[in-house]
Protein backbone atom coordinates (compact mmCIF):
# COMPACT_ATOMS: atom_id res chain seq x y z
CA UNK A 1 0.00 0.00 0.00
CA UNK A 2 1.07 3.50 -0.28
CA UNK A 3 0.32 6.99 0.69
CA UNK A 4 0.38 10.40 -0.41
CA UNK A 5 -1.46 13.60 -0.03
CA UNK A 6 -1.85 16.94 -1.72
CA UNK A 7 -2.68 20.27 -0.14
CA UNK A 8 -3.27 22.52 -3.10
CA UNK A 9 -4.65 22.25 -6.61
CA UNK A 10 -1.86 23.16 -9.07
CA UNK A 11 -3.16 24.95 -12.15
CA UNK A 12 -1.10 25.15 -15.34
CA UNK A 13 -0.72 28.57 -16.98
CA UNK A 14 -0.52 28.71 -20.76
CA UNK A 15 1.74 31.33 -22.34
CA UNK A 16 0.60 32.53 -25.77
CA UNK A 17 3.97 33.58 -27.18
CA UNK A 18 3.74 35.45 -30.49
CA UNK A 19 -0.06 35.59 -30.44
CA UNK A 20 -1.41 38.92 -31.60
CA UNK A 21 -4.97 38.32 -30.38
CA UNK A 22 -6.13 40.74 -27.69
CA UNK A 23 -8.75 38.32 -26.36
CA UNK A 24 -7.94 36.90 -22.92
CA UNK A 25 -7.01 33.26 -22.72
CA UNK A 26 -9.89 31.02 -21.60
CA UNK A 27 -9.79 30.01 -17.93
CA UNK A 28 -8.22 26.62 -17.22
CA UNK A 29 -10.56 23.67 -16.96
CA UNK A 30 -11.36 22.76 -13.34
CA UNK A 31 -9.78 19.60 -12.03
CA UNK A 32 -12.60 16.99 -12.11
CA UNK A 33 -11.09 15.28 -9.09
CA UNK A 34 -9.81 18.19 -7.05
CA UNK A 35 -9.00 17.63 -3.37
CA UNK A 36 -11.68 18.50 -0.81
CA UNK A 37 -11.50 21.92 0.81
CA UNK A 38 -8.87 21.98 3.56
CA UNK A 39 -11.52 22.09 6.30
CA UNK A 40 -13.64 19.35 4.70
CA UNK A 41 -11.18 16.51 4.10
CA UNK A 42 -7.96 15.62 2.32
CA UNK A 43 -6.61 13.75 -0.70
CA UNK A 44 -4.21 10.81 -0.83
CA UNK A 45 -2.36 10.80 -4.12
CA UNK A 46 0.07 8.35 -5.69
CA UNK A 47 1.57 8.18 -9.19
CA UNK A 48 4.16 5.68 -10.42
CA UNK A 49 5.31 4.36 -13.80
CA UNK A 50 4.78 0.79 -14.94
CA UNK A 51 7.41 -0.07 -17.59
CA UNK A 52 6.32 -1.86 -20.72
CA UNK A 53 5.38 -5.53 -20.23
CA UNK A 54 5.84 -5.43 -16.46
CA UNK A 55 4.02 -6.03 -13.19
CA UNK A 56 4.49 -3.39 -10.50
CA UNK A 57 3.51 -3.48 -6.85
CA UNK A 58 4.48 -0.21 -5.20
CA UNK A 59 3.92 1.11 -1.68
CA UNK A 60 4.02 4.78 -0.78
CA UNK A 61 4.54 5.70 2.87
CA UNK A 62 3.54 9.12 4.16
CA UNK A 63 1.69 10.97 6.93
CA UNK A 64 -1.86 12.33 6.97
CA UNK A 65 -2.21 16.11 7.21
CA UNK A 66 -1.78 17.64 10.67
CA UNK A 67 -4.85 18.90 12.49
CA UNK A 68 -6.24 18.83 16.00
CA UNK A 69 -7.55 15.43 17.05
CA UNK A 70 -9.25 13.21 14.47
CA UNK A 71 -10.68 13.33 10.97
CA UNK A 72 -14.30 12.15 10.93
CA UNK A 73 -14.46 10.53 7.48
CA UNK A 74 -18.03 10.11 6.21
CA UNK A 75 -17.48 9.71 2.47
CA UNK A 76 -14.60 8.43 0.31
CA UNK A 77 -14.29 8.74 -3.46
CA UNK A 78 -11.42 7.28 -5.46
CA UNK A 79 -10.15 7.31 -9.03
CA UNK A 80 -7.51 4.91 -10.32
CA UNK A 81 -5.93 3.90 -13.59
CA UNK A 82 -8.08 1.68 -15.80
CA UNK A 83 -7.38 -2.05 -15.33
CA UNK A 84 -5.61 -1.56 -11.99
CA UNK A 85 -5.33 -4.86 -10.16
CA UNK A 86 -5.97 -3.24 -6.80
CA UNK A 87 -5.15 -0.31 -4.56
CA UNK A 88 -5.53 0.07 -0.83
CA UNK A 89 -4.64 2.27 2.11
CA UNK A 90 -3.33 0.85 5.39
CA UNK A 91 -2.84 2.51 8.76
CA UNK A 92 0.59 1.65 10.13
CA UNK A 93 0.07 2.65 13.78
CA UNK A 94 0.08 -0.93 15.07
CA UNK A 95 2.68 -2.34 12.70
CA UNK A 96 6.45 -2.78 13.15
CA UNK A 97 7.14 -0.81 9.96
CA UNK A 98 9.58 2.06 10.56
CA UNK A 99 10.31 3.22 7.01
CA UNK A 100 10.58 6.91 6.19
CA UNK A 101 8.16 8.55 3.73
CA UNK A 102 8.83 7.47 0.16
CA UNK A 103 7.92 4.91 -2.51
CA UNK A 104 9.09 1.32 -2.03
CA UNK A 105 8.69 -2.11 -3.61
CA UNK A 106 5.84 -3.77 -1.72
CA UNK A 107 7.41 -7.20 -2.22
CA UNK A 108 10.39 -6.21 -0.08
CA UNK A 109 8.20 -4.61 2.60
CA UNK A 110 5.94 -7.63 3.02
CA UNK A 111 8.83 -10.09 2.83
CA UNK A 112 10.63 -8.32 5.68
CA UNK A 113 7.42 -7.85 7.72
CA UNK A 114 5.44 -11.08 7.61
CA UNK A 115 3.00 -9.83 10.28
CA UNK A 116 1.99 -6.79 8.26
CA UNK A 117 -1.13 -8.44 6.81
CA UNK A 118 -2.45 -9.04 10.33
CA UNK A 119 -1.21 -5.96 12.20
CA UNK A 120 -1.98 -3.36 9.54
CA UNK A 121 -5.44 -1.77 9.54
CA UNK A 122 -6.95 -1.48 6.08
CA UNK A 123 -8.70 1.88 5.74
CA UNK A 124 -9.80 1.69 2.12
CA UNK A 125 -9.43 -0.49 -0.98
CA UNK A 126 -10.63 -0.52 -4.57
CA UNK A 127 -10.23 -2.57 -7.74
CA UNK A 128 -12.22 -0.32 -10.10
CA UNK A 129 -11.41 2.96 -11.90
CA UNK A 130 -13.99 4.94 -9.91
CA UNK A 131 -15.59 4.14 -6.57
CA UNK A 132 -17.48 5.97 -3.86
CA UNK A 133 -18.48 4.90 -0.36
CA UNK A 134 -20.83 7.07 1.67
CA UNK A 135 -21.68 6.22 5.26
CA UNK A 136 -25.08 6.91 6.84
CA UNK A 137 -25.64 10.41 8.28
CA UNK A 138 -23.68 10.89 11.49
CA UNK A 139 -21.58 7.75 10.92
CA UNK A 140 -17.84 8.15 10.43
CA UNK A 141 -14.45 6.49 10.51
CA UNK A 142 -12.38 8.35 13.10
CA UNK A 143 -8.85 8.70 11.70
CA UNK A 144 -6.05 10.29 13.76
CA UNK A 145 -4.39 13.32 12.19
CA UNK A 146 -0.69 13.06 11.28
CA UNK A 147 -1.12 9.26 11.19
CA UNK A 148 1.46 7.28 9.25
CA UNK A 149 -0.12 5.29 6.41
CA UNK A 150 0.76 3.25 3.35
CA UNK A 151 -0.97 3.55 -0.05
CA UNK A 152 -0.47 0.62 -2.37
CA UNK A 153 -0.98 0.07 -6.11
CA UNK A 154 -0.68 -3.21 -7.99
CA UNK A 155 -0.74 -3.03 -11.78
CA UNK A 156 0.06 -5.39 -14.65
CA UNK A 157 1.13 -3.59 -17.83
CA UNK A 158 0.60 -5.92 -20.79
CA UNK A 159 1.30 -3.21 -23.37
CA UNK A 160 4.52 -2.40 -25.23
CA UNK A 161 4.74 1.12 -23.78
CA UNK A 162 5.15 2.47 -20.24
CA UNK A 163 1.98 3.45 -18.35
CA UNK A 164 1.57 6.19 -15.76
CA UNK A 165 -0.33 4.47 -12.96
CA UNK A 166 -2.23 6.70 -10.57
CA UNK A 167 -4.47 6.40 -7.53
CA UNK A 168 -6.25 9.43 -6.07
CA UNK A 169 -8.41 9.07 -2.96
CA UNK A 170 -10.57 11.93 -1.68
CA UNK A 171 -11.58 11.62 1.98
CA UNK A 172 -14.53 13.85 2.88
CA UNK A 173 -15.12 14.66 6.54
CA UNK A 174 -17.89 15.95 8.80
CA UNK A 175 -17.47 17.96 12.04
CA UNK A 176 -16.57 15.57 14.88
CA UNK A 177 -19.45 16.93 16.97
CA UNK A 178 -21.88 15.58 14.34
CA UNK A 179 -20.65 11.99 14.75
CA UNK A 180 -23.22 9.66 16.34
CA UNK A 181 -21.77 6.29 15.30
CA UNK A 182 -18.36 4.97 14.27
CA UNK A 183 -17.29 2.19 11.90
CA UNK A 184 -14.71 -0.55 11.94
CA UNK A 185 -13.90 -3.33 9.53
CA UNK A 186 -11.65 -6.21 8.61
CA UNK A 187 -10.62 -8.83 6.10
CA UNK A 188 -11.48 -12.52 6.29
CA UNK A 189 -9.09 -14.60 4.24
CA UNK A 190 -8.11 -18.17 3.45
CA UNK A 191 -4.37 -18.03 2.81
CA UNK A 192 -3.99 -21.78 2.29
CA UNK A 193 -4.98 -22.18 -1.36
CA UNK A 194 -3.95 -24.80 -3.89
CA UNK A 195 -5.71 -24.72 -7.27
CA UNK A 196 -4.70 -27.91 -9.17
CA UNK A 197 -3.68 -27.71 -12.85
CA UNK A 198 -6.27 -28.24 -15.58
CA UNK A 199 -9.15 -28.18 -13.14
CA UNK A 200 -12.21 -26.45 -11.75
CA UNK A 201 -11.71 -26.05 -8.04
CA UNK A 202 -13.62 -24.60 -5.06
CA UNK A 203 -12.21 -23.33 -1.77
CA UNK A 204 -14.59 -22.35 1.05
CA UNK A 205 -14.23 -20.70 4.44
CA UNK A 206 -16.52 -20.31 7.45
CA UNK A 207 -16.11 -17.53 10.00
CA UNK A 208 -17.95 -16.58 13.19
CA UNK A 209 -18.36 -13.09 14.67
CA UNK A 210 -16.88 -12.66 18.14
CA UNK A 211 -19.13 -9.63 18.81
CA UNK A 212 -22.48 -8.25 17.64
CA UNK A 213 -22.09 -6.03 14.55
CA UNK A 214 -24.16 -4.28 11.90
CA UNK A 215 -22.55 -4.83 8.47
CA UNK A 216 -22.69 -1.83 6.12
CA UNK A 217 -20.49 -3.03 3.21
CA UNK A 218 -19.11 -6.32 1.93
CA UNK A 219 -16.94 -7.20 -1.06
CA UNK A 220 -14.85 -10.14 -2.32
CA UNK A 221 -11.35 -10.47 -3.72
CA UNK A 222 -9.70 -13.13 -5.90
CA UNK A 223 -7.19 -13.05 -8.76
CA UNK A 224 -7.65 -14.02 -12.41
CA UNK A 225 -8.47 -17.73 -11.82
CA UNK A 226 -11.44 -16.70 -9.71
CA UNK A 227 -14.61 -17.22 -11.74
CA UNK A 228 -17.17 -16.66 -8.98
CA UNK A 229 -17.47 -15.87 -5.28
CA UNK A 230 -20.63 -16.59 -3.29
CA UNK A 231 -21.42 -15.61 0.30
CA UNK A 232 -24.11 -16.97 2.61
CA UNK A 233 -24.91 -16.59 6.29
CA UNK A 234 -23.69 -19.31 8.64
CA UNK A 235 -25.07 -19.77 12.16
CA UNK A 236 -22.40 -22.16 13.44
CA UNK A 237 -24.36 -25.22 12.31
CA UNK A 238 -26.16 -24.58 9.03
CA UNK A 239 -25.60 -22.43 5.96
CA UNK A 240 -28.36 -20.16 4.64
CA UNK A 241 -29.12 -19.05 1.09
CA UNK A 242 -26.54 -17.13 -0.95
CA UNK A 243 -27.02 -13.36 -0.63
CA UNK A 244 -23.87 -12.14 -2.46
CA UNK A 245 -22.45 -13.34 -5.76
CA UNK A 246 -19.65 -11.87 -7.83
CA UNK A 247 -18.42 -13.20 -11.19
CA UNK A 248 -16.01 -10.38 -12.09
CA UNK A 249 -12.68 -10.89 -10.33
CA UNK A 250 -11.26 -7.70 -11.80
CA UNK A 251 -14.05 -5.42 -10.52
CA UNK A 252 -15.82 -7.19 -7.65
CA UNK A 253 -19.22 -5.95 -6.55
CA UNK A 254 -19.37 -3.78 -3.44
CA UNK A 255 -22.54 -4.77 -1.55
CA UNK A 256 -24.14 -1.93 0.41
CA UNK A 257 -26.62 -3.08 3.05
CA UNK A 258 -29.41 -0.60 3.79
CA UNK A 259 -30.60 -1.33 6.40
CA UNK A 260 -27.40 -2.92 7.74
CA UNK A 261 -27.08 -6.71 7.96
CA UNK A 262 -27.09 -7.77 11.62
CA UNK A 263 -24.60 -10.45 12.67
CA UNK A 264 -24.86 -11.45 16.32
CA UNK A 265 -22.00 -12.99 18.26
CA UNK A 266 -21.85 -16.64 17.13
CA UNK A 267 -23.35 -15.86 13.72
CA UNK A 268 -21.12 -15.67 10.71
CA UNK A 269 -20.52 -16.16 7.02
CA UNK A 270 -19.57 -18.92 4.60
CA UNK A 271 -17.91 -17.93 1.34
CA UNK A 272 -16.94 -20.05 -1.66
CA UNK A 273 -14.30 -19.12 -4.24
CA UNK A 274 -14.69 -20.93 -7.57
CA UNK A 275 -11.48 -21.22 -9.59
CA UNK A 276 -10.62 -22.48 -13.06
CA UNK A 277 -6.98 -23.30 -13.78
CA UNK A 278 -6.19 -24.13 -17.40
CA UNK A 279 -2.44 -24.08 -16.75
CA UNK A 280 -0.05 -26.94 -16.13
CA UNK A 281 0.99 -25.87 -12.60
CA UNK A 282 -0.74 -25.72 -9.23
CA UNK A 283 -1.50 -22.11 -8.22
CA UNK A 284 -1.14 -21.20 -4.55
CA UNK A 285 -1.99 -18.22 -2.35
CA UNK A 286 0.18 -15.15 -2.83
CA UNK A 287 0.37 -11.44 -3.65
CA UNK A 288 1.42 -11.63 -7.31
CA UNK A 289 -1.11 -11.51 -10.13
CA UNK A 290 -0.27 -15.13 -11.03
CA UNK A 291 -0.97 -16.28 -7.46
CA UNK A 292 -4.45 -16.55 -6.01
CA UNK A 293 -6.52 -15.20 -3.11
CA UNK A 294 -9.92 -15.91 -1.58
CA UNK A 295 -11.14 -13.28 0.87
CA UNK A 296 -13.89 -10.91 2.00
CA UNK A 297 -13.76 -7.33 3.22
CA UNK A 298 -16.30 -6.13 5.81
CA UNK A 299 -17.21 -2.68 7.14
CA UNK A 300 -19.48 -2.53 10.18
CA UNK A 301 -20.67 -0.65 13.23
CA UNK A 302 -20.17 -0.18 16.12
CA UNK A 303 -16.47 0.63 16.13
CA UNK A 304 -14.52 -2.06 17.98
CA UNK A 305 -10.88 -2.85 17.38
CA UNK A 306 -11.43 -6.40 18.66
CA UNK A 307 -14.51 -7.24 16.57
CA UNK A 308 -13.79 -9.81 13.85
CA UNK A 309 -15.26 -12.68 11.90
CA UNK A 310 -12.92 -15.43 13.09
CA UNK A 311 -12.21 -18.34 10.74
CA UNK A 312 -13.39 -21.63 12.25
CA UNK A 313 -13.39 -24.03 9.29
CA UNK A 314 -12.07 -24.29 5.73
CA UNK A 315 -12.53 -26.68 2.82
CA UNK A 316 -9.08 -28.25 3.26
CA UNK A 317 -9.12 -28.25 7.06
CA UNK A 318 -6.22 -25.79 7.32
CA UNK A 319 -6.80 -22.44 9.02
CA UNK A 320 -4.14 -19.98 7.85
CA UNK A 321 -5.21 -16.34 7.64
CA UNK A 322 -1.80 -14.73 7.39
CA UNK A 323 -0.05 -16.65 4.62
CA UNK A 324 2.81 -17.50 6.97
CA UNK A 325 1.56 -21.01 7.77
CA UNK A 326 0.96 -20.05 11.39
């Protein structure tokens, strides 16, 4: 993941050298994705180059703008390069990462910090060119000012020319005194995946909530072998009907529950990832585009740093949520 922010909108000025016209130059076009006003939010901004015929996975580390107390984020809008594999933003407050602001290879960061997937707090993620999430009135994510974060972009350039890859995230805030409810969230993953060659294969995972929550958003994530993801409720004994289905691995559906979906302590979810591997090698879990994943992202209220849907059973009997085999 990576981070970045901008404080001012930079406008280009055109010089009409040698032009005899006395008419004033037309005003510059407004930036269609300008940052929020300084007192109404901030923008995280990252731009890197993907060389021709390459796969890049870059992480930008930076700090959020300084202010007093917390940002009360109520709405987030993002714009990324077309065909981006994914982008996300992680809070680093509870991680061992001590890197200075800058752009790094994510491979090296994750290799040297195997606990990052578990200790980092994912604040936002997207796999589509444009996305917007708006919380109910009075509901916000409380984000500390000056917080160290990481913004990440993963992109596969299949063309014969370099591509400028960008990810801009606008975080819109409300006055903290207007906040009546706070959100939290998490990722549920099966990191023990083995998709056999020349096969259709299904991996499933069951998780149970350790606290009562009201789910606002849910989305799935696989890589290119993922043909379909289905999600159903699971009460610890039986599985209910499927309520979420996604068949587009590249741009998974973001399910918005209005009213929220209630999950009591002891209730949970069962999700199935359907894969098709037409290659000659087994494909395992991993970060690269040629690896695979099978996971869900959840956003819920109330805010609780200990609330989670804990994995209790998987299709192969192995419970590994970190990818470290632990």
